N, C-alpha and C. Protein backbone atom coordinates (compact mmCIF):
# COMPACT_ATOMS: atom_id res chain seq x y z
N MET A 1 -49.91 -9.27 4.82
CA MET A 1 -48.90 -9.24 3.77
C MET A 1 -48.34 -7.82 3.59
N PHE A 2 -49.21 -6.84 3.66
CA PHE A 2 -48.79 -5.46 3.52
C PHE A 2 -47.84 -5.05 4.65
N LYS A 3 -48.11 -5.53 5.87
CA LYS A 3 -47.25 -5.23 7.02
C LYS A 3 -45.85 -5.82 6.82
N LEU A 4 -45.77 -7.03 6.27
CA LEU A 4 -44.49 -7.68 6.03
C LEU A 4 -43.64 -6.88 5.04
N ILE A 5 -44.26 -6.38 3.99
CA ILE A 5 -43.54 -5.58 2.99
C ILE A 5 -43.03 -4.28 3.61
N ILE A 6 -43.87 -3.63 4.40
CA ILE A 6 -43.46 -2.39 5.08
C ILE A 6 -42.31 -2.65 6.04
N ILE A 7 -42.38 -3.72 6.80
CA ILE A 7 -41.31 -4.06 7.75
C ILE A 7 -40.01 -4.37 7.00
N LEU A 8 -40.08 -5.11 5.91
CA LEU A 8 -38.88 -5.41 5.13
C LEU A 8 -38.26 -4.14 4.56
N ILE A 9 -39.06 -3.26 4.06
CA ILE A 9 -38.56 -2.00 3.51
C ILE A 9 -37.88 -1.19 4.61
N LEU A 10 -38.48 -1.13 5.81
CA LEU A 10 -37.89 -0.39 6.92
C LEU A 10 -36.57 -1.03 7.38
N VAL A 11 -36.53 -2.34 7.43
CA VAL A 11 -35.30 -3.03 7.85
C VAL A 11 -34.18 -2.77 6.83
N ILE A 12 -34.48 -2.86 5.55
CA ILE A 12 -33.48 -2.60 4.52
C ILE A 12 -33.01 -1.15 4.59
N TYR A 13 -33.91 -0.23 4.80
CA TYR A 13 -33.56 1.19 4.92
C TYR A 13 -32.65 1.42 6.11
N LEU A 14 -33.00 0.84 7.25
CA LEU A 14 -32.18 1.01 8.46
C LEU A 14 -30.80 0.37 8.30
N LEU A 15 -30.74 -0.80 7.69
CA LEU A 15 -29.45 -1.44 7.45
C LEU A 15 -28.57 -0.59 6.52
N ASN A 16 -29.20 0.01 5.54
CA ASN A 16 -28.47 0.88 4.63
C ASN A 16 -27.87 2.08 5.38
N LYS A 17 -28.66 2.71 6.21
CA LYS A 17 -28.20 3.88 6.97
C LYS A 17 -27.10 3.51 7.96
N VAL A 18 -27.25 2.37 8.63
CA VAL A 18 -26.25 1.93 9.60
C VAL A 18 -24.95 1.58 8.88
N SER A 19 -25.03 0.90 7.75
CA SER A 19 -23.82 0.51 7.03
C SER A 19 -23.09 1.74 6.49
N VAL A 20 -23.80 2.73 5.99
CA VAL A 20 -23.17 3.96 5.51
C VAL A 20 -22.46 4.66 6.66
N PHE A 21 -23.09 4.71 7.82
CA PHE A 21 -22.47 5.34 8.99
C PHE A 21 -21.21 4.59 9.41
N LEU A 22 -21.28 3.25 9.45
CA LEU A 22 -20.12 2.46 9.86
C LEU A 22 -18.97 2.60 8.87
N PHE A 23 -19.25 2.63 7.58
CA PHE A 23 -18.19 2.78 6.60
C PHE A 23 -17.53 4.16 6.71
N ARG A 24 -18.30 5.17 7.05
CA ARG A 24 -17.71 6.50 7.23
C ARG A 24 -16.81 6.53 8.44
N VAL A 25 -17.25 5.90 9.54
CA VAL A 25 -16.45 5.92 10.76
C VAL A 25 -15.22 5.05 10.63
N MET A 26 -15.38 3.83 10.11
CA MET A 26 -14.27 2.89 10.02
C MET A 26 -13.33 3.22 8.87
N GLY A 27 -13.83 3.79 7.80
CA GLY A 27 -13.02 4.06 6.63
C GLY A 27 -12.40 5.43 6.62
N ARG A 28 -12.47 6.14 7.74
CA ARG A 28 -11.92 7.48 7.81
C ARG A 28 -10.40 7.40 7.65
N PRO A 29 -9.84 8.13 6.70
CA PRO A 29 -8.39 8.07 6.49
C PRO A 29 -7.65 8.65 7.69
N GLN A 30 -6.52 8.04 8.01
CA GLN A 30 -5.72 8.54 9.12
C GLN A 30 -4.99 9.79 8.67
N GLN A 31 -4.86 10.71 9.58
CA GLN A 31 -4.23 11.98 9.23
C GLN A 31 -2.73 11.80 9.15
N ALA A 32 -2.14 12.30 8.08
CA ALA A 32 -0.70 12.23 7.90
C ALA A 32 -0.05 13.34 8.73
N PRO A 33 1.17 13.10 9.19
CA PRO A 33 1.84 14.16 9.93
C PRO A 33 2.07 15.37 9.02
N PRO A 34 2.05 16.55 9.58
CA PRO A 34 2.21 17.74 8.75
C PRO A 34 3.59 17.76 8.09
N PHE A 35 3.62 18.24 6.86
CA PHE A 35 4.86 18.29 6.09
C PHE A 35 5.71 19.44 6.59
N ARG A 36 6.96 19.12 6.95
CA ARG A 36 7.87 20.16 7.40
C ARG A 36 8.86 20.45 6.28
N ARG A 37 8.91 21.67 5.88
CA ARG A 37 9.82 22.07 4.81
C ARG A 37 11.22 22.27 5.41
N PRO A 38 12.25 21.64 4.81
CA PRO A 38 13.60 21.83 5.34
C PRO A 38 14.07 23.26 5.11
N ALA A 39 14.98 23.68 5.96
CA ALA A 39 15.52 25.04 5.84
C ALA A 39 16.28 25.17 4.54
N ASP A 40 16.40 26.39 4.05
CA ASP A 40 17.13 26.64 2.80
C ASP A 40 18.58 26.18 2.94
N GLY A 41 19.06 25.49 1.94
CA GLY A 41 20.44 25.04 1.93
C GLY A 41 20.67 23.69 2.57
N SER A 42 19.66 23.14 3.21
CA SER A 42 19.84 21.83 3.82
C SER A 42 19.19 20.78 2.93
N ILE A 43 19.65 19.54 3.07
CA ILE A 43 19.14 18.44 2.26
C ILE A 43 18.50 17.43 3.19
N HIS A 44 17.33 16.94 2.80
CA HIS A 44 16.63 15.92 3.59
C HIS A 44 16.26 14.77 2.67
N MET A 45 16.64 13.54 3.07
CA MET A 45 16.30 12.35 2.29
C MET A 45 15.46 11.44 3.17
N ASP A 46 14.29 11.03 2.67
CA ASP A 46 13.44 10.12 3.41
C ASP A 46 13.97 8.70 3.36
N ASN A 47 14.29 8.22 2.17
CA ASN A 47 14.75 6.85 2.00
C ASN A 47 16.06 6.86 1.23
N ALA A 48 17.06 6.22 1.80
CA ALA A 48 18.34 6.09 1.12
C ALA A 48 18.44 4.67 0.60
N PRO A 49 19.00 4.46 -0.60
CA PRO A 49 19.13 3.10 -1.11
C PRO A 49 20.10 2.30 -0.25
N LYS A 50 19.82 1.00 -0.16
CA LYS A 50 20.69 0.12 0.63
C LYS A 50 21.98 -0.10 -0.14
N ARG A 51 23.07 -0.07 0.58
CA ARG A 51 24.38 -0.28 -0.05
C ARG A 51 24.72 -1.76 -0.02
N SER A 52 25.41 -2.20 -1.04
CA SER A 52 25.81 -3.59 -1.15
C SER A 52 26.90 -3.90 -0.14
N ALA A 53 26.85 -5.11 0.46
CA ALA A 53 27.84 -5.51 1.44
C ALA A 53 29.18 -5.78 0.77
N LYS A 54 29.18 -6.28 -0.47
CA LYS A 54 30.41 -6.59 -1.19
C LYS A 54 30.89 -5.34 -1.93
N LYS A 55 32.19 -5.13 -1.89
CA LYS A 55 32.75 -4.01 -2.64
C LYS A 55 33.34 -4.51 -3.96
N GLY A 56 34.13 -5.59 -3.92
CA GLY A 56 34.82 -6.07 -5.12
C GLY A 56 33.91 -6.90 -5.99
N GLY A 57 33.48 -8.02 -5.51
CA GLY A 57 32.55 -8.87 -6.21
C GLY A 57 33.06 -9.36 -7.55
N SER A 58 32.51 -10.41 -8.05
CA SER A 58 32.88 -10.97 -9.34
C SER A 58 32.13 -10.24 -10.44
N LYS A 59 32.87 -9.85 -11.47
CA LYS A 59 32.23 -9.13 -12.57
C LYS A 59 31.94 -10.04 -13.75
N GLY A 60 32.35 -11.27 -13.68
CA GLY A 60 32.11 -12.19 -14.78
C GLY A 60 32.96 -13.44 -14.61
N GLY A 61 32.77 -14.38 -15.50
CA GLY A 61 33.52 -15.62 -15.39
C GLY A 61 34.44 -15.82 -16.58
N GLU A 62 35.15 -16.93 -16.56
CA GLU A 62 36.04 -17.26 -17.66
C GLU A 62 35.24 -17.88 -18.80
N TYR A 63 35.76 -17.73 -20.02
CA TYR A 63 35.14 -18.36 -21.18
C TYR A 63 35.58 -19.83 -21.18
N VAL A 64 34.60 -20.72 -21.28
CA VAL A 64 34.89 -22.15 -21.31
C VAL A 64 34.44 -22.69 -22.65
N ASP A 65 35.38 -23.23 -23.40
CA ASP A 65 35.09 -23.82 -24.69
C ASP A 65 34.40 -25.16 -24.46
N TYR A 66 33.42 -25.48 -25.26
CA TYR A 66 32.70 -26.74 -25.07
C TYR A 66 32.62 -27.48 -26.38
N GLU A 67 32.41 -28.78 -26.24
CA GLU A 67 32.22 -29.64 -27.39
C GLU A 67 30.86 -30.27 -27.33
N GLU A 68 30.15 -30.27 -28.45
CA GLU A 68 28.82 -30.86 -28.46
C GLU A 68 28.97 -32.38 -28.55
N VAL A 69 28.28 -33.10 -27.65
CA VAL A 69 28.35 -34.56 -27.62
C VAL A 69 27.07 -35.11 -28.21
N LYS A 70 27.21 -36.10 -29.17
CA LYS A 70 26.02 -36.66 -29.80
C LYS A 70 25.75 -38.04 -29.30
């Protein structure tokens, strides 16, 4: 019985060490590319908003009078 407890403790300990190692290796953050500072006087935009395909478009509708029907 004592041997079984020792073996279980060793197996749990080894699993703990292996899992910590795997999480460190697999969870390593990827390195971001180095930040390049634009030259003075120049403008750099990463994301530009998308422009609408329609230029004119409808700005509203006509007022329609209604009658309540009972």
